Amino acid sequence: MVIQTKETELKKWYNIRARYMHIYKPEGKVLDFWLSGTDDTQVTEMVINKGYKDIEWVKQDNPPFLENS
């Protein structure tokens, strides 16, 4: 029997759109980017901890750069 912990959970890809506040100060710049994580809560926490604001979406999807791989 395998017990799945946070460390062994499979990571999924998430597409994010959020405002990065460390460039184009003071307004920031809206960026679209991809991150992998175990769930949307973990990914959202990573985005907030990196200084992003006004998160428009965090949605699970398959990134185009992995197609045909």
N, C-alpha and C. Protein backbone atom coordinates (compact mmCIF):
# COMPACT_ATOMS: atom_id res chain seq x y z
N MET A 1 0.84 -1.18 0.00
CA MET A 1 0.00 0.00 0.00
C MET A 1 0.88 1.24 0.00
N VAL A 2 0.59 2.17 -0.92
CA VAL A 2 1.35 3.41 -1.02
C VAL A 2 0.52 4.53 -0.42
N ILE A 3 1.10 5.23 0.53
CA ILE A 3 0.42 6.38 1.12
C ILE A 3 0.93 7.62 0.39
N GLN A 4 -0.01 8.36 -0.18
CA GLN A 4 0.38 9.53 -0.95
C GLN A 4 0.45 10.74 -0.03
N THR A 5 1.63 11.32 0.08
CA THR A 5 1.82 12.52 0.88
C THR A 5 1.99 13.71 -0.05
N LYS A 6 2.08 14.89 0.52
CA LYS A 6 2.26 16.11 -0.27
C LYS A 6 3.50 16.00 -1.15
N GLU A 7 4.55 15.36 -0.65
CA GLU A 7 5.80 15.25 -1.40
C GLU A 7 5.69 14.28 -2.57
N THR A 8 4.80 13.28 -2.48
CA THR A 8 4.72 12.27 -3.54
C THR A 8 3.56 12.51 -4.50
N GLU A 9 2.75 13.53 -4.27
CA GLU A 9 1.64 13.81 -5.18
C GLU A 9 2.16 14.19 -6.55
N LEU A 10 1.44 13.80 -7.56
CA LEU A 10 1.82 14.15 -8.92
C LEU A 10 1.58 15.64 -9.16
N LYS A 11 2.53 16.25 -9.82
CA LYS A 11 2.39 17.66 -10.14
C LYS A 11 1.64 17.82 -11.45
N LYS A 12 0.87 18.90 -11.52
CA LYS A 12 0.10 19.23 -12.72
C LYS A 12 0.55 20.62 -13.17
N TRP A 13 0.25 20.96 -14.40
CA TRP A 13 0.59 22.27 -14.93
C TRP A 13 -0.57 23.24 -14.75
N TYR A 14 -0.23 24.49 -14.42
CA TYR A 14 -1.23 25.54 -14.23
C TYR A 14 -0.82 26.77 -15.03
N ASN A 15 -1.81 27.35 -15.71
CA ASN A 15 -1.62 28.61 -16.42
C ASN A 15 -2.08 29.72 -15.50
N ILE A 16 -1.25 30.76 -15.37
CA ILE A 16 -1.52 31.85 -14.44
C ILE A 16 -1.48 33.17 -15.19
N ARG A 17 -2.39 34.06 -14.85
CA ARG A 17 -2.31 35.46 -15.29
C ARG A 17 -2.40 36.30 -14.03
N ALA A 18 -1.36 37.12 -13.83
CA ALA A 18 -1.32 37.95 -12.63
C ALA A 18 -0.43 39.17 -12.89
N ARG A 19 -0.55 40.17 -12.05
CA ARG A 19 0.23 41.40 -12.18
C ARG A 19 1.50 41.27 -11.33
N TYR A 20 2.65 41.42 -12.01
CA TYR A 20 3.94 41.37 -11.31
C TYR A 20 4.35 42.79 -10.96
N MET A 21 4.53 43.04 -9.67
CA MET A 21 4.72 44.40 -9.17
C MET A 21 6.17 44.87 -9.15
N HIS A 22 7.12 44.01 -9.49
CA HIS A 22 8.52 44.39 -9.40
C HIS A 22 9.07 44.97 -10.70
N ILE A 23 8.25 45.04 -11.76
CA ILE A 23 8.66 45.70 -13.00
C ILE A 23 7.60 46.72 -13.36
N TYR A 24 7.99 47.71 -14.15
CA TYR A 24 7.09 48.79 -14.54
C TYR A 24 6.42 49.41 -13.32
N LYS A 25 7.24 49.72 -12.32
CA LYS A 25 6.72 50.30 -11.07
C LYS A 25 6.11 51.66 -11.35
N PRO A 26 5.09 52.10 -10.66
CA PRO A 26 4.41 51.44 -9.55
C PRO A 26 3.22 50.58 -9.98
N GLU A 27 2.87 50.60 -11.29
CA GLU A 27 1.67 49.87 -11.73
C GLU A 27 1.88 48.38 -11.87
N GLY A 28 3.10 47.95 -12.16
CA GLY A 28 3.35 46.54 -12.41
C GLY A 28 2.99 46.17 -13.84
N LYS A 29 3.14 44.91 -14.19
CA LYS A 29 2.86 44.42 -15.54
C LYS A 29 2.12 43.10 -15.43
N VAL A 30 1.04 42.95 -16.23
CA VAL A 30 0.27 41.70 -16.25
C VAL A 30 1.03 40.69 -17.11
N LEU A 31 1.27 39.50 -16.54
CA LEU A 31 2.01 38.44 -17.22
C LEU A 31 1.19 37.16 -17.23
N ASP A 32 1.35 36.39 -18.31
CA ASP A 32 0.81 35.03 -18.41
C ASP A 32 2.01 34.09 -18.31
N PHE A 33 1.91 33.07 -17.49
CA PHE A 33 3.02 32.13 -17.34
C PHE A 33 2.51 30.79 -16.83
N TRP A 34 3.40 29.79 -16.82
CA TRP A 34 3.08 28.42 -16.41
C TRP A 34 3.90 28.03 -15.20
N LEU A 35 3.26 27.32 -14.28
CA LEU A 35 3.93 26.71 -13.13
C LEU A 35 3.39 25.31 -12.94
N SER A 36 4.20 24.46 -12.34
CA SER A 36 3.68 23.13 -11.98
C SER A 36 3.55 23.07 -10.47
N GLY A 37 2.54 22.34 -10.03
CA GLY A 37 2.30 22.17 -8.60
C GLY A 37 1.32 21.04 -8.36
N THR A 38 1.12 20.74 -7.09
CA THR A 38 0.25 19.63 -6.74
C THR A 38 -1.23 20.01 -6.81
N ASP A 39 -1.56 21.29 -6.55
CA ASP A 39 -2.94 21.75 -6.64
C ASP A 39 -2.95 23.26 -6.81
N ASP A 40 -4.14 23.81 -7.12
CA ASP A 40 -4.23 25.24 -7.40
C ASP A 40 -3.95 26.10 -6.17
N THR A 41 -4.23 25.58 -4.99
CA THR A 41 -3.93 26.33 -3.76
C THR A 41 -2.43 26.51 -3.59
N GLN A 42 -1.67 25.45 -3.81
CA GLN A 42 -0.22 25.54 -3.68
C GLN A 42 0.36 26.51 -4.71
N VAL A 43 -0.13 26.44 -5.94
CA VAL A 43 0.37 27.31 -7.00
C VAL A 43 0.02 28.77 -6.69
N THR A 44 -1.20 29.02 -6.23
CA THR A 44 -1.61 30.38 -5.87
C THR A 44 -0.73 30.94 -4.76
N GLU A 45 -0.41 30.13 -3.76
CA GLU A 45 0.48 30.57 -2.68
C GLU A 45 1.87 30.92 -3.22
N MET A 46 2.39 30.11 -4.16
CA MET A 46 3.70 30.41 -4.76
C MET A 46 3.67 31.75 -5.49
N VAL A 47 2.60 32.00 -6.24
CA VAL A 47 2.46 33.23 -7.01
C VAL A 47 2.42 34.44 -6.07
N ILE A 48 1.63 34.36 -5.02
CA ILE A 48 1.52 35.46 -4.06
C ILE A 48 2.86 35.70 -3.37
N ASN A 49 3.55 34.63 -2.98
CA ASN A 49 4.83 34.76 -2.29
C ASN A 49 5.92 35.38 -3.16
N LYS A 50 5.76 35.30 -4.48
CA LYS A 50 6.73 35.90 -5.40
C LYS A 50 6.42 37.36 -5.72
N GLY A 51 5.35 37.90 -5.14
CA GLY A 51 5.06 39.32 -5.30
C GLY A 51 4.05 39.67 -6.37
N TYR A 52 3.28 38.70 -6.82
CA TYR A 52 2.24 38.97 -7.81
C TYR A 52 0.97 39.43 -7.11
N LYS A 53 0.22 40.28 -7.80
CA LYS A 53 -1.06 40.80 -7.28
C LYS A 53 -2.11 40.62 -8.37
N ASP A 54 -3.34 40.95 -8.05
CA ASP A 54 -4.45 40.94 -9.02
C ASP A 54 -4.44 39.66 -9.86
N ILE A 55 -4.45 38.52 -9.22
CA ILE A 55 -4.43 37.24 -9.93
C ILE A 55 -5.76 37.08 -10.66
N GLU A 56 -5.69 37.03 -11.98
CA GLU A 56 -6.91 36.87 -12.79
C GLU A 56 -7.34 35.41 -12.85
N TRP A 57 -6.36 34.49 -13.01
CA TRP A 57 -6.70 33.08 -13.02
C TRP A 57 -5.50 32.21 -12.68
N VAL A 58 -5.83 31.05 -12.13
CA VAL A 58 -4.91 29.92 -11.95
C VAL A 58 -5.72 28.72 -12.40
N LYS A 59 -5.42 28.22 -13.62
CA LYS A 59 -6.24 27.13 -14.14
C LYS A 59 -5.35 25.99 -14.63
N GLN A 60 -5.77 24.79 -14.31
CA GLN A 60 -5.04 23.60 -14.73
C GLN A 60 -5.25 23.40 -16.22
N ASP A 61 -4.13 23.14 -16.92
CA ASP A 61 -4.19 22.96 -18.36
C ASP A 61 -2.89 22.29 -18.80
N ASN A 62 -2.80 21.94 -20.07
CA ASN A 62 -1.57 21.39 -20.62
C ASN A 62 -0.85 22.49 -21.38
N PRO A 63 0.39 22.79 -21.03
CA PRO A 63 1.11 23.87 -21.69
C PRO A 63 1.44 23.53 -23.15
N PRO A 64 1.42 24.52 -24.03
CA PRO A 64 1.69 24.25 -25.44
C PRO A 64 3.12 23.78 -25.69
N PHE A 65 4.05 24.12 -24.82
CA PHE A 65 5.44 23.70 -25.04
C PHE A 65 5.68 22.23 -24.73
N LEU A 66 4.67 21.53 -24.19
CA LEU A 66 4.79 20.09 -23.96
C LEU A 66 4.06 19.26 -25.00
N GLU A 67 3.39 19.91 -25.92
CA GLU A 67 2.67 19.18 -26.98
C GLU A 67 3.68 18.49 -27.88
N ASN A 68 3.33 17.31 -28.34
CA ASN A 68 4.17 16.51 -29.22
C ASN A 68 5.47 16.08 -28.55
N SER A 69 5.48 16.01 -27.21
CA SER A 69 6.68 15.57 -26.51
C SER A 69 6.57 14.11 -26.15
